PDB file of N, CA and C in Angstrom:
ATOM      1  N   UNK A   1     155.379  86.067  99.161  1.00  0.00           N
ATOM      2  CA  UNK A   1     154.045  86.874  99.434  1.00  0.00           C
ATOM      3  C   UNK A   1     153.886  88.419  98.131  1.00  0.00           C
ATOM      4  N   UNK A   2     152.600  88.091  98.060  1.00  0.00           N
ATOM      5  CA  UNK A   2     151.978  89.225  96.973  1.00  0.00           C
ATOM      6  C   UNK A   2     151.724  90.401  98.007  1.00  0.00           C
ATOM      7  N   UNK A   3     152.275  91.556  97.623  1.00  0.00           N
ATOM      8  CA  UNK A   3     152.202  92.938  98.240  1.00  0.00           C
ATOM      9  C   UNK A   3     151.674  94.026  97.179  1.00  0.00           C
ATOM     10  N   UNK A   4     150.353  94.321  97.386  1.00  0.00           N
ATOM     11  CA  UNK A   4     150.097  95.554  96.568  1.00  0.00           C
ATOM     12  C   UNK A   4     150.497  96.932  97.380  1.00  0.00           C
ATOM     13  N   UNK A   5     150.731  97.999  96.735  1.00  0.00           N
ATOM     14  CA  UNK A   5     150.601  99.471  97.616  1.00  0.00           C
ATOM     15  C   UNK A   5     150.018 100.355  96.331  1.00  0.00           C
ATOM     16  N   UNK A   6     149.086 101.071  96.986  1.00  0.00           N
ATOM     17  CA  UNK A   6     148.462 102.328  96.374  1.00  0.00           C
ATOM     18  C   UNK A   6     149.436 103.324  97.062  1.00  0.00           C
ATOM     19  N   UNK A   7     150.419 103.806  96.311  1.00  0.00           N
ATOM     20  CA  UNK A   7     151.556 104.642  96.267  1.00  0.00           C
ATOM     21  C   UNK A   7     151.313 106.136  95.620  1.00  0.00           C
ATOM     22  N   UNK A   8     151.819 107.025  96.459  1.00  0.00           N
ATOM     23  CA  UNK A   8     151.713 108.290  95.909  1.00  0.00           C
ATOM     24  C   UNK A   8     153.505 108.703  96.247  1.00  0.00           C
ATOM     25  N   UNK A   9     154.152 108.731  95.282  1.00  0.00           N
ATOM     26  CA  UNK A   9     155.605 109.027  95.171  1.00  0.00           C
ATOM     27  C   UNK A   9     155.744 110.486  95.404  1.00  0.00           C
ATOM     28  N   UNK A  10     154.919 111.145  95.924  1.00  0.00           N
ATOM     29  CA  UNK A  10     155.152 112.646  96.753  1.00  0.00           C
ATOM     30  C   UNK A  10     155.028 112.686  98.036  1.00  0.00           C
ATOM     31  N   UNK A  11     154.442 111.485  98.634  1.00  0.00           N
ATOM     32  CA  UNK A  11     154.203 111.390  99.989  1.00  0.00           C
ATOM     33  C   UNK A  11     155.016 110.758 100.641  1.00  0.00           C
ATOM     34  N   UNK A  12     156.155 111.402 101.547  1.00  0.00           N
ATOM     35  CA  UNK A  12     156.761 110.887 102.244  1.00  0.00           C
ATOM     36  C   UNK A  12     156.868 109.859 103.260  1.00  0.00           C
ATOM     37  N   UNK A  13     155.141 109.514 103.827  1.00  0.00           N
ATOM     38  CA  UNK A  13     154.871 108.171 104.558  1.00  0.00           C
ATOM     39  C   UNK A  13     154.666 106.916 103.286  1.00  0.00           C
ATOM     40  N   UNK A  14     153.844 107.302 102.205  1.00  0.00           N
ATOM     41  CA  UNK A  14     154.463 106.264 101.390  1.00  0.00           C
ATOM     42  C   UNK A  14     155.679 105.743 100.753  1.00  0.00           C
ATOM     43  N   UNK A  15     156.408 106.511 100.516  1.00  0.00           N
ATOM     44  CA  UNK A  15     157.802 106.210 100.182  1.00  0.00           C
ATOM     45  C   UNK A  15     158.246 105.650 101.495  1.00  0.00           C
ATOM     46  N   UNK A  16     158.164 105.791 102.931  1.00  0.00           N
ATOM     47  CA  UNK A  16     158.791 105.451 104.020  1.00  0.00           C
ATOM     48  C   UNK A  16     158.009 103.662 103.514  1.00  0.00           C
ATOM     49  N   UNK A  17     156.856 103.731 103.388  1.00  0.00           N
ATOM     50  CA  UNK A  17     156.082 102.366 103.426  1.00  0.00           C
ATOM     51  C   UNK A  17     156.738 101.617 102.299  1.00  0.00           C
ATOM     52  N   UNK A  18     157.086 101.930 101.253  1.00  0.00           N
ATOM     53  CA  UNK A  18     157.310 101.229 100.087  1.00  0.00           C
ATOM     54  C   UNK A  18     158.928 100.726 100.618  1.00  0.00           C
ATOM     55  N   UNK A  19     159.827 101.511 101.397  1.00  0.00           N
ATOM     56  CA  UNK A  19     161.387 101.278 101.738  1.00  0.00           C
ATOM     57  C   UNK A  19     161.123 100.039 102.435  1.00  0.00           C
ATOM     58  N   UNK A  20     159.958 100.216 103.544  1.00  0.00           N
ATOM     59  CA  UNK A  20     160.047  99.057 104.754  1.00  0.00           C
ATOM     60  C   UNK A  20     159.790  97.873 104.120  1.00  0.00           C
ATOM     61  N   UNK A  21     158.478  97.424 102.871  1.00  0.00           N
ATOM     62  CA  UNK A  21     158.249  96.629 101.872  1.00  0.00           C
ATOM     63  C   UNK A  21     159.502  95.869 101.558  1.00  0.00           C
ATOM     64  N   UNK A  22     160.144  96.767 100.879  1.00  0.00           N
ATOM     65  CA  UNK A  22     161.257  96.482  99.870  1.00  0.00           C
ATOM     66  C   UNK A  22     162.512  96.008 100.894  1.00  0.00           C
ATOM     67  N   UNK A  23     162.598  96.381 102.026  1.00  0.00           N
ATOM     68  CA  UNK A  23     163.450  95.965 103.041  1.00  0.00           C
ATOM     69  C   UNK A  23     163.544  94.761 103.919  1.00  0.00           C
ATOM     70  N   UNK A  24     161.939  94.374 103.808  1.00  0.00           N
ATOM     71  CA  UNK A  24     161.517  92.736 103.855  1.00  0.00           C
ATOM     72  C   UNK A  24     161.812  92.147 102.907  1.00  0.00           C
ATOM     73  N   UNK A  25     162.522  92.493 101.643  1.00  0.00           N
ATOM     74  CA  UNK A  25     162.393  91.708 100.541  1.00  0.00           C
ATOM     75  C   UNK A  25     161.374  91.219  99.297  1.00  0.00           C
ATOM     76  N   UNK A  26     160.828  92.524  99.477  1.00  0.00           N
ATOM     77  CA  UNK A  26     159.613  92.095  98.555  1.00  0.00           C
ATOM     78  C   UNK A  26     159.307  93.276  97.804  1.00  0.00           C
ATOM     79  N   UNK A  27     159.076  93.120  96.552  1.00  0.00           N
ATOM     80  CA  UNK A  27     159.087  93.684  95.824  1.00  0.00           C
ATOM     81  C   UNK A  27     157.812  94.138  95.055  1.00  0.00           C
ATOM     82  N   UNK A  28     156.886  95.347  95.909  1.00  0.00           N
ATOM     83  CA  UNK A  28     155.210  95.214  95.580  1.00  0.00           C
ATOM     84  C   UNK A  28     154.850  95.596  94.402  1.00  0.00           C
ATOM     85  N   UNK A  29     153.431  95.043  94.152  1.00  0.00           N
ATOM     86  CA  UNK A  29     152.888  95.790  92.842  1.00  0.00           C
ATOM     87  C   UNK A  29     152.503  97.204  93.357  1.00  0.00           C
ATOM     88  N   UNK A  30     153.132  97.882  92.409  1.00  0.00           N
ATOM     89  CA  UNK A  30     153.050  99.709  92.945  1.00  0.00           C
ATOM     90  C   UNK A  30     151.905 100.208  91.735  1.00  0.00           C
ATOM     91  N   UNK A  31     150.368 100.518  92.451  1.00  0.00           N
ATOM     92  CA  UNK A  31     149.392 101.276  91.960  1.00  0.00           C
ATOM     93  C   UNK A  31     149.757 102.386  92.383  1.00  0.00           C
ATOM     94  N   UNK A  32     149.930 103.590  91.429  1.00  0.00           N
ATOM     95  CA  UNK A  32     150.055 104.755  91.216  1.00  0.00           C
ATOM     96  C   UNK A  32     148.992 105.352  91.209  1.00  0.00           C
ATOM     97  N   UNK A  33     148.244 105.503  92.267  1.00  0.00           N
ATOM     98  CA  UNK A  33     146.553 105.964  92.327  1.00  0.00           C
ATOM     99  C   UNK A  33     146.263 107.442  91.789  1.00  0.00           C
ATOM    100  N   UNK A  34     147.436 107.796  91.808  1.00  0.00           N
ATOM    101  CA  UNK A  34     147.212 109.442  91.570  1.00  0.00           C
ATOM    102  C   UNK A  34     147.005 109.693  89.860  1.00  0.00           C
ATOM    103  N   UNK A  35     147.883 108.572  89.281  1.00  0.00           N
ATOM    104  CA  UNK A  35     147.581 108.560  87.659  1.00  0.00           C
ATOM    105  C   UNK A  35     146.744 107.560  87.369  1.00  0.00           C
ATOM    106  N   UNK A  36     146.208 106.671  88.004  1.00  0.00           N
ATOM    107  CA  UNK A  36     145.148 105.529  88.010  1.00  0.00           C
ATOM    108  C   UNK A  36     144.511 105.358  88.789  1.00  0.00           C
ATOM    109  N   UNK A  37     143.307 106.174  89.212  1.00  0.00           N
ATOM    110  CA  UNK A  37     142.760 105.769  90.343  1.00  0.00           C
ATOM    111  C   UNK A  37     141.823 104.520  90.169  1.00  0.00           C
ATOM    112  N   UNK A  38     141.492 103.840  91.469  1.00  0.00           N
ATOM    113  CA  UNK A  38     141.114 102.524  91.370  1.00  0.00           C
ATOM    114  C   UNK A  38     139.571 102.756  90.646  1.00  0.00           C
ATOM    115  N   UNK A  39     138.727 101.516  90.366  1.00  0.00           N
ATOM    116  CA  UNK A  39     137.669 101.890  89.863  1.00  0.00           C
ATOM    117  C   UNK A  39     136.531 102.067  90.928  1.00  0.00           C
ATOM    118  N   UNK A  40     135.360 102.124  91.146  1.00  0.00           N
ATOM    119  CA  UNK A  40     134.433 102.183  91.974  1.00  0.00           C
ATOM    120  C   UNK A  40     134.306 101.050  92.487  1.00  0.00           C
ATOM    121  N   UNK A  41     134.575  99.931  91.823  1.00  0.00           N
ATOM    122  CA  UNK A  41     134.098  98.457  92.346  1.00  0.00           C
ATOM    123  C   UNK A  41     135.602  98.059  93.100  1.00  0.00           C
ATOM    124  N   UNK A  42     136.602  98.743  92.703  1.00  0.00           N
ATOM    125  CA  UNK A  42     137.814  98.427  93.365  1.00  0.00           C
ATOM    126  C   UNK A  42     137.835  99.383  94.643  1.00  0.00           C
ATOM    127  N   UNK A  43     137.400 100.444  94.563  1.00  0.00           N
ATOM    128  CA  UNK A  43     137.409 101.123  95.717  1.00  0.00           C
ATOM    129  C   UNK A  43     136.853 100.797  97.037  1.00  0.00           C
ATOM    130  N   UNK A  44     135.225 100.561  96.372  1.00  0.00           N
ATOM    131  CA  UNK A  44     134.300  99.631  97.428  1.00  0.00           C
ATOM    132  C   UNK A  44     135.218  98.335  98.016  1.00  0.00           C
ATOM    133  N   UNK A  45     135.798  97.553  97.336  1.00  0.00           N
ATOM    134  CA  UNK A  45     136.235  96.346  97.671  1.00  0.00           C
ATOM    135  C   UNK A  45     137.334  96.499  98.589  1.00  0.00           C
ATOM    136  N   UNK A  46     138.379  97.963  98.647  1.00  0.00           N
ATOM    137  CA  UNK A  46     139.331  97.908  99.287  1.00  0.00           C
ATOM    138  C   UNK A  46     138.673  98.784 100.846  1.00  0.00           C
ATOM    139  N   UNK A  47     137.448  99.420 100.683  1.00  0.00           N
ATOM    140  CA  UNK A  47     136.993  99.916 102.060  1.00  0.00           C
ATOM    141  C   UNK A  47     136.368  98.448 102.621  1.00  0.00           C
ATOM    142  N   UNK A  48     135.779  97.764 101.950  1.00  0.00           N
ATOM    143  CA  UNK A  48     135.344  96.767 102.514  1.00  0.00           C
ATOM    144  C   UNK A  48     136.184  95.803 103.624  1.00  0.00           C
ATOM    145  N   UNK A  49     137.450  95.518 102.541  1.00  0.00           N
ATOM    146  CA  UNK A  49     138.389  94.902 103.169  1.00  0.00           C
ATOM    147  C   UNK A  49     138.911  95.558 104.364  1.00  0.00           C
ATOM    148  N   UNK A  50     139.248  96.949 104.614  1.00  0.00           N
ATOM    149  CA  UNK A  50     139.249  97.634 105.771  1.00  0.00           C
ATOM    150  C   UNK A  50     138.358  97.861 106.992  1.00  0.00           C
ATOM    151  N   UNK A  51     137.229  97.790 106.277  1.00  0.00           N
ATOM    152  CA  UNK A  51     135.741  97.696 107.258  1.00  0.00           C
ATOM    153  C   UNK A  51     135.806  99.376 107.482  1.00  0.00           C
ATOM    154  N   UNK A  52     136.158 100.198 106.487  1.00  0.00           N
ATOM    155  CA  UNK A  52     135.917 101.823 106.958  1.00  0.00           C
ATOM    156  C   UNK A  52     134.586 102.029 105.883  1.00  0.00           C
ATOM    157  N   UNK A  53     134.282 103.107 106.139  1.00  0.00           N
ATOM    158  CA  UNK A  53     133.530 104.025 105.427  1.00  0.00           C
ATOM    159  C   UNK A  53     134.303 105.066 104.486  1.00  0.00           C
ATOM    160  N   UNK A  54     133.803 105.408 103.252  1.00  0.00           N
ATOM    161  CA  UNK A  54     134.354 106.488 102.731  1.00  0.00           C
ATOM    162  C   UNK A  54     134.960 107.494 103.506  1.00  0.00           C
ATOM    163  N   UNK A  55     134.153 108.251 103.924  1.00  0.00           N
ATOM    164  CA  UNK A  55     134.312 109.573 104.815  1.00  0.00           C
ATOM    165  C   UNK A  55     135.485 109.281 105.887  1.00  0.00           C
ATOM    166  N   UNK A  56     135.808 108.128 105.953  1.00  0.00           N
ATOM    167  CA  UNK A  56     137.111 107.688 107.054  1.00  0.00           C
ATOM    168  C   UNK A  56     138.185 107.680 106.130  1.00  0.00           C
ATOM    169  N   UNK A  57     137.890 107.500 104.951  1.00  0.00           N
ATOM    170  CA  UNK A  57     139.048 107.417 104.021  1.00  0.00           C
ATOM    171  C   UNK A  57     139.594 108.776 103.526  1.00  0.00           C
ATOM    172  N   UNK A  58     138.914 109.835 103.391  1.00  0.00           N
ATOM    173  CA  UNK A  58     138.938 111.076 103.031  1.00  0.00           C
ATOM    174  C   UNK A  58     140.305 111.832 103.832  1.00  0.00           C
ATOM    175  N   UNK A  59     141.104 112.649 103.266  1.00  0.00           N
ATOM    176  CA  UNK A  59     141.861 113.414 103.588  1.00  0.00           C
ATOM    177  C   UNK A  59     141.140 114.666 103.580  1.00  0.00           C
ATOM    178  N   UNK A  60     141.255 115.092 104.729  1.00  0.00           N
ATOM    179  CA  UNK A  60     140.326 116.609 104.921  1.00  0.00           C
ATOM    180  C   UNK A  60     141.268 117.638 104.962  1.00  0.00           C
ATOM    181  N   UNK A  61     142.335 117.475 104.529  1.00  0.00           N
ATOM    182  CA  UNK A  61     143.343 118.888 104.640  1.00  0.00           C
ATOM    183  C   UNK A  61     143.523 118.899 103.075  1.00  0.00           C
ATOM    184  N   UNK A  62     142.971 118.515 102.491  1.00  0.00           N
ATOM    185  CA  UNK A  62     143.096 118.847 100.719  1.00  0.00           C
ATOM    186  C   UNK A  62     142.344 120.119 100.461  1.00  0.00           C
ATOM    187  N   UNK A  63     142.941 120.468  99.546  1.00  0.00           N
ATOM    188  CA  UNK A  63     141.684 121.989  98.765  1.00  0.00           C
ATOM    189  C   UNK A  63     140.106 121.466  98.462  1.00  0.00           C
ATOM    190  N   UNK A  64     140.519 120.436  97.793  1.00  0.00           N
ATOM    191  CA  UNK A  64     138.897 119.514  97.445  1.00  0.00           C
ATOM    192  C   UNK A  64     138.212 119.406  98.291  1.00  0.00           C
ATOM    193  N   UNK A  65     138.436 118.847  99.087  1.00  0.00           N
ATOM    194  CA  UNK A  65     137.895 118.654 100.309  1.00  0.00           C
ATOM    195  C   UNK A  65     136.507 119.688 100.716  1.00  0.00           C
ATOM    196  N   UNK A  66     137.155 120.826 101.109  1.00  0.00           N
ATOM    197  CA  UNK A  66     136.355 122.124 101.003  1.00  0.00           C
ATOM    198  C   UNK A  66     135.221 122.420 100.175  1.00  0.00           C
ATOM    199  N   UNK A  67     136.300 122.584  99.051  1.00  0.00           N
ATOM    200  CA  UNK A  67     135.759 123.123  97.681  1.00  0.00           C
ATOM    201  C   UNK A  67     134.701 122.153  97.304  1.00  0.00           C
ATOM    202  N   UNK A  68     134.494 120.873  97.100  1.00  0.00           N
ATOM    203  CA  UNK A  68     133.513 120.267  97.093  1.00  0.00           C
ATOM    204  C   UNK A  68     132.618 119.727  98.189  1.00  0.00           C
ATOM    205  N   UNK A  69     132.738 120.520  99.125  1.00  0.00           N
ATOM    206  CA  UNK A  69     131.724 120.696 100.123  1.00  0.00           C
ATOM    207  C   UNK A  69     131.585 119.009 100.775  1.00  0.00           C
ATOM    208  N   UNK A  70     132.878 118.381 100.915  1.00  0.00           N
ATOM    209  CA  UNK A  70     132.562 117.267 101.725  1.00  0.00           C
ATOM    210  C   UNK A  70     132.492 117.185 103.223  1.00  0.00           C
ATOM    211  N   UNK A  71     132.604 118.430 103.456  1.00  0.00           N
ATOM    212  CA  UNK A  71     132.597 118.508 105.103  1.00  0.00           C
ATOM    213  C   UNK A  71     130.791 118.133 105.470  1.00  0.00           C
ATOM    214  N   UNK A  72     129.957 118.235 104.364  1.00  0.00           N
ATOM    215  CA  UNK A  72     128.547 118.120 104.286  1.00  0.00           C
ATOM    216  C   UNK A  72     128.214 116.857 104.932  1.00  0.00           C
ATOM    217  N   UNK A  73     127.541 116.668 106.075  1.00  0.00           N
ATOM    218  CA  UNK A  73     127.539 115.278 106.695  1.00  0.00           C
ATOM    219  C   UNK A  73     126.174 114.720 105.784  1.00  0.00           C
ATOM    220  N   UNK A  74     125.556 115.511 104.874  1.00  0.00           N
ATOM    221  CA  UNK A  74     124.443 114.876 104.143  1.00  0.00           C
ATOM    222  C   UNK A  74     125.053 114.190 102.521  1.00  0.00           C
ATOM    223  N   UNK A  75     126.529 114.244 102.321  1.00  0.00           N
ATOM    224  CA  UNK A  75     127.000 113.810 101.363  1.00  0.00           C
ATOM    225  C   UNK A  75     127.030 112.037 101.338  1.00  0.00           C
ATOM    226  N   UNK A  76     126.731 111.309 100.561  1.00  0.00           N
ATOM    227  CA  UNK A  76     126.180 109.885 100.747  1.00  0.00           C
ATOM    228  C   UNK A  76     127.900 109.448 100.423  1.00  0.00           C
ATOM    229  N   UNK A  77     127.558 108.173 100.534  1.00  0.00           N
ATOM    230  CA  UNK A  77     128.806 107.370 100.367  1.00  0.00           C
ATOM    231  C   UNK A  77     129.466 107.249  99.042  1.00  0.00           C
ATOM    232  N   UNK A  78     128.505 107.248  98.068  1.00  0.00           N
ATOM    233  CA  UNK A  78     128.419 107.141  96.580  1.00  0.00           C
ATOM    234  C   UNK A  78     129.205 108.599  96.258  1.00  0.00           C
ATOM    235  N   UNK A  79     128.565 109.877  96.776  1.00  0.00           N
ATOM    236  CA  UNK A  79     129.323 111.175  96.653  1.00  0.00           C
ATOM    237  C   UNK A  79     130.484 111.063  96.696  1.00  0.00           C
ATOM    238  N   UNK A  80     130.584 110.607  97.963  1.00  0.00           N
ATOM    239  CA  UNK A  80     132.292 110.772  98.721  1.00  0.00           C
ATOM    240  C   UNK A  80     133.205 109.869  97.744  1.00  0.00           C
ATOM    241  N   UNK A  81     132.851 108.466  97.578  1.00  0.00           N
ATOM    242  CA  UNK A  81     133.511 108.017  96.368  1.00  0.00           C
ATOM    243  C   UNK A  81     133.980 108.628  95.145  1.00  0.00           C
ATOM    244  N   UNK A  82     133.161 109.204  94.693  1.00  0.00           N
ATOM    245  CA  UNK A  82     133.228 109.444  93.535  1.00  0.00           C
ATOM    246  C   UNK A  82     133.685 110.637  93.486  1.00  0.00           C
ATOM    247  N   UNK A  83     134.042 111.385  94.554  1.00  0.00           N
ATOM    248  CA  UNK A  83     134.872 112.672  94.711  1.00  0.00           C
ATOM    249  C   UNK A  83     136.228 111.792  94.990  1.00  0.00           C
ATOM    250  N   UNK A  84     136.522 110.924  95.340  1.00  0.00           N
ATOM    251  CA  UNK A  84     137.751 110.394  95.749  1.00  0.00           C
ATOM    252  C   UNK A  84     138.313 109.994  94.333  1.00  0.00           C
ATOM    253  N   UNK A  85     137.889 109.206  93.545  1.00  0.00           N
ATOM    254  CA  UNK A  85     138.103 109.060  92.064  1.00  0.00           C
ATOM    255  C   UNK A  85     138.307 110.243  91.260  1.00  0.00           C
ATOM    256  N   UNK A  86     137.646 111.246  91.524  1.00  0.00           N
ATOM    257  CA  UNK A  86     137.596 112.329  90.560  1.00  0.00           C
ATOM    258  C   UNK A  86     138.809 113.137  90.772  1.00  0.00           C
ATOM    259  N   UNK A  87     138.916 113.034  92.422  1.00  0.00           N
ATOM    260  CA  UNK A  87     140.237 113.946  92.898  1.00  0.00           C
ATOM    261  C   UNK A  87     140.696 113.081  93.931  1.00  0.00           C
ATOM    262  N   UNK A  88     141.676 112.178  93.085  1.00  0.00           N
ATOM    263  CA  UNK A  88     142.327 111.160  94.090  1.00  0.00           C
ATOM    264  C   UNK A  88     143.612 111.354  95.000  1.00  0.00           C
ATOM    265  N   UNK A  89     143.893 112.598  94.945  1.00  0.00           N
ATOM    266  CA  UNK A  89     144.384 113.102  96.229  1.00  0.00           C
ATOM    267  C   UNK A  89     143.510 113.391  97.399  1.00  0.00           C
ATOM    268  N   UNK A  90     142.309 112.615  97.154  1.00  0.00           N
ATOM    269  CA  UNK A  90     141.688 112.977  98.710  1.00  0.00           C
ATOM    270  C   UNK A  90     141.489 111.653  99.446  1.00  0.00           C
ATOM    271  N   UNK A  91     142.194 110.734  98.580  1.00  0.00           N
ATOM    272  CA  UNK A  91     142.189 109.373  99.426  1.00  0.00           C
ATOM    273  C   UNK A  91     143.666 109.236 100.218  1.00  0.00           C
ATOM    274  N   UNK A  92     143.333 108.868 101.585  1.00  0.00           N
ATOM    275  CA  UNK A  92     144.516 108.690 102.257  1.00  0.00           C
ATOM    276  C   UNK A  92     145.394 107.585 102.178  1.00  0.00           C
ATOM    277  N   UNK A  93     146.670 107.780 102.154  1.00  0.00           N
ATOM    278  CA  UNK A  93     147.452 106.876 101.647  1.00  0.00           C
ATOM    279  C   UNK A  93     148.422 106.489 102.584  1.00  0.00           C
ATOM    280  N   UNK A  94     149.301 105.699 102.813  1.00  0.00           N
ATOM    281  CA  UNK A  94     149.440 104.695 101.510  1.00  0.00           C
ATOM    282  C   UNK A  94     148.357 103.134 102.175  1.00  0.00           C
ATOM    283  N   UNK A  95     147.785 102.732 101.018  1.00  0.00           N
ATOM    284  CA  UNK A  95     146.909 101.761 101.253  1.00  0.00           C
ATOM    285  C   UNK A  95     147.765 100.183 100.681  1.00  0.00           C
ATOM    286  N   UNK A  96     147.713  99.263 101.590  1.00  0.00           N
ATOM    287  CA  UNK A  96     148.723  98.402 101.573  1.00  0.00           C
ATOM    288  C   UNK A  96     147.623  97.313 101.469  1.00  0.00           C
ATOM    289  N   UNK A  97     147.929  96.023 100.598  1.00  0.00           N
ATOM    290  CA  UNK A  97     147.211  95.115 100.367  1.00  0.00           C
ATOM    291  C   UNK A  97     148.307  93.634 100.242  1.00  0.00           C
ATOM    292  N   UNK A  98     147.690  92.693 101.389  1.00  0.00           N
ATOM    293  CA  UNK A  98     148.650  91.469 101.404  1.00  0.00           C
ATOM    294  C   UNK A  98     147.557  90.379 101.407  1.00  0.00           C
ATOM    295  N   UNK A  99     148.086  89.317 101.783  1.00  0.00           N
ATOM    296  CA  UNK A  99     147.096  87.742 102.124  1.00  0.00           C
ATOM    297  C   UNK A  99     146.783  88.277 103.970  1.00  0.00           C
ATOM    298  N   UNK A 100     147.257  89.070 104.295  1.00  0.00           N
ATOM    299  CA  UNK A 100     147.149  89.053 106.018  1.00  0.00           C
ATOM    300  C   UNK A 100     146.141  90.217 105.984  1.00  0.00           C
ATOM    301  N   UNK A 101     145.738  90.970 104.988  1.00  0.00           N
ATOM    302  CA  UNK A 101     144.770  92.051 105.376  1.00  0.00           C
ATOM    303  C   UNK A 101     145.150  93.371 104.278  1.00  0.00           C
ATOM    304  N   UNK A 102     144.324  94.044 104.576  1.00  0.00           N
ATOM    305  CA  UNK A 102     144.222  95.494 103.935  1.00  0.00           C
ATOM    306  C   UNK A 102     144.323  96.545 104.899  1.00  0.00           C
ATOM    307  N   UNK A 103     145.397  97.607 104.881  1.00  0.00           N
ATOM    308  CA  UNK A 103     145.416  98.872 105.790  1.00  0.00           C
ATOM    309  C   UNK A 103     146.123 100.035 105.259  1.00  0.00           C
ATOM    310  N   UNK A 104     145.335 101.084 105.601  1.00  0.00           N
ATOM    311  CA  UNK A 104     145.897 102.303 105.359  1.00  0.00           C
ATOM    312  C   UNK A 104     147.079 102.515 106.526  1.00  0.00           C
ATOM    313  N   UNK A 105     148.326 102.445 105.797  1.00  0.00           N
ATOM    314  CA  UNK A 105     149.235 102.445 106.780  1.00  0.00           C
ATOM    315  C   UNK A 105     150.191 103.840 106.960  1.00  0.00           C
ATOM    316  N   UNK A 106     149.138 104.227 108.177  1.00  0.00           N
ATOM    317  CA  UNK A 106     149.902 105.229 108.886  1.00  0.00           C
ATOM    318  C   UNK A 106     149.396 105.041 110.338  1.00  0.00           C
ATOM    319  N   UNK A 107     150.440 105.145 111.095  1.00  0.00           N
ATOM    320  CA  UNK A 107     151.701 105.446 110.797  1.00  0.00           C
ATOM    321  C   UNK A 107     152.210 104.186 109.999  1.00  0.00           C
ATOM    322  N   UNK A 108     153.752 104.420 109.302  1.00  0.00           N
ATOM    323  CA  UNK A 108     154.228 103.899 108.509  1.00  0.00           C
ATOM    324  C   UNK A 108     154.670 102.119 109.238  1.00  0.00           C
ATOM    325  N   UNK A 109     154.430 102.125 110.313  1.00  0.00           N
ATOM    326  CA  UNK A 109     155.268 100.979 110.901  1.00  0.00           C
ATOM    327  C   UNK A 109     153.747  99.970 110.981  1.00  0.00           C
ATOM    328  N   UNK A 110     152.541 100.537 110.942  1.00  0.00           N
ATOM    329  CA  UNK A 110     151.124  99.521 110.308  1.00  0.00           C
ATOM    330  C   UNK A 110     151.524  98.468 109.154  1.00  0.00           C
ATOM    331  N   UNK A 111     152.269  98.924 108.594  1.00  0.00           N
ATOM    332  CA  UNK A 111     152.773  98.040 107.118  1.00  0.00           C
ATOM    333  C   UNK A 111     153.064  96.344 107.789  1.00  0.00           C
ATOM    334  N   UNK A 112     153.780  96.497 109.126  1.00  0.00           N
ATOM    335  CA  UNK A 112     154.765  95.710 109.570  1.00  0.00           C
ATOM    336  C   UNK A 112     153.602  94.349 109.918  1.00  0.00           C
ATOM    337  N   UNK A 113     152.555  94.677 110.276  1.00  0.00           N
ATOM    338  CA  UNK A 113     151.433  93.737 110.676  1.00  0.00           C
ATOM    339  C   UNK A 113     151.110  93.118 109.109  1.00  0.00           C
ATOM    340  N   UNK A 114     151.324  93.598 108.058  1.00  0.00           N
ATOM    341  CA  UNK A 114     150.806  93.085 106.724  1.00  0.00           C
ATOM    342  C   UNK A 114     152.064  91.943 106.230  1.00  0.00           C
ATOM    343  N   UNK A 115     153.023  92.203 106.734  1.00  0.00           N
ATOM    344  CA  UNK A 115     154.339  91.377 105.983  1.00  0.00           C
ATOM    345  C   UNK A 115     154.457  90.406 106.816  1.00  0.00           C
TER     346      UNK A 115
END
């Protein structure tokens, strides 16, 4: 099975999800999105696959959320995606991609549905 994880190695949930994947005997493709954010097209594809709006994928407790005025409901999806790509800490994590689907794996046990 092919598994890709959009991973932040400073996030305990992301680390726990990676451990669950590896415990299942799978070595995933690891995308360290904080170092290499996805392209705009890749982000759109992930959002479509998860049936999520960009706003639903935002981490609202990050400093950039308020400093970029992302709490403004007038911000367009494009503006939100651009902000997430410029400030990848705004992207909720971890995102896991398998043949069974794409999910933000919070809580960490959500990854089991994809394995």
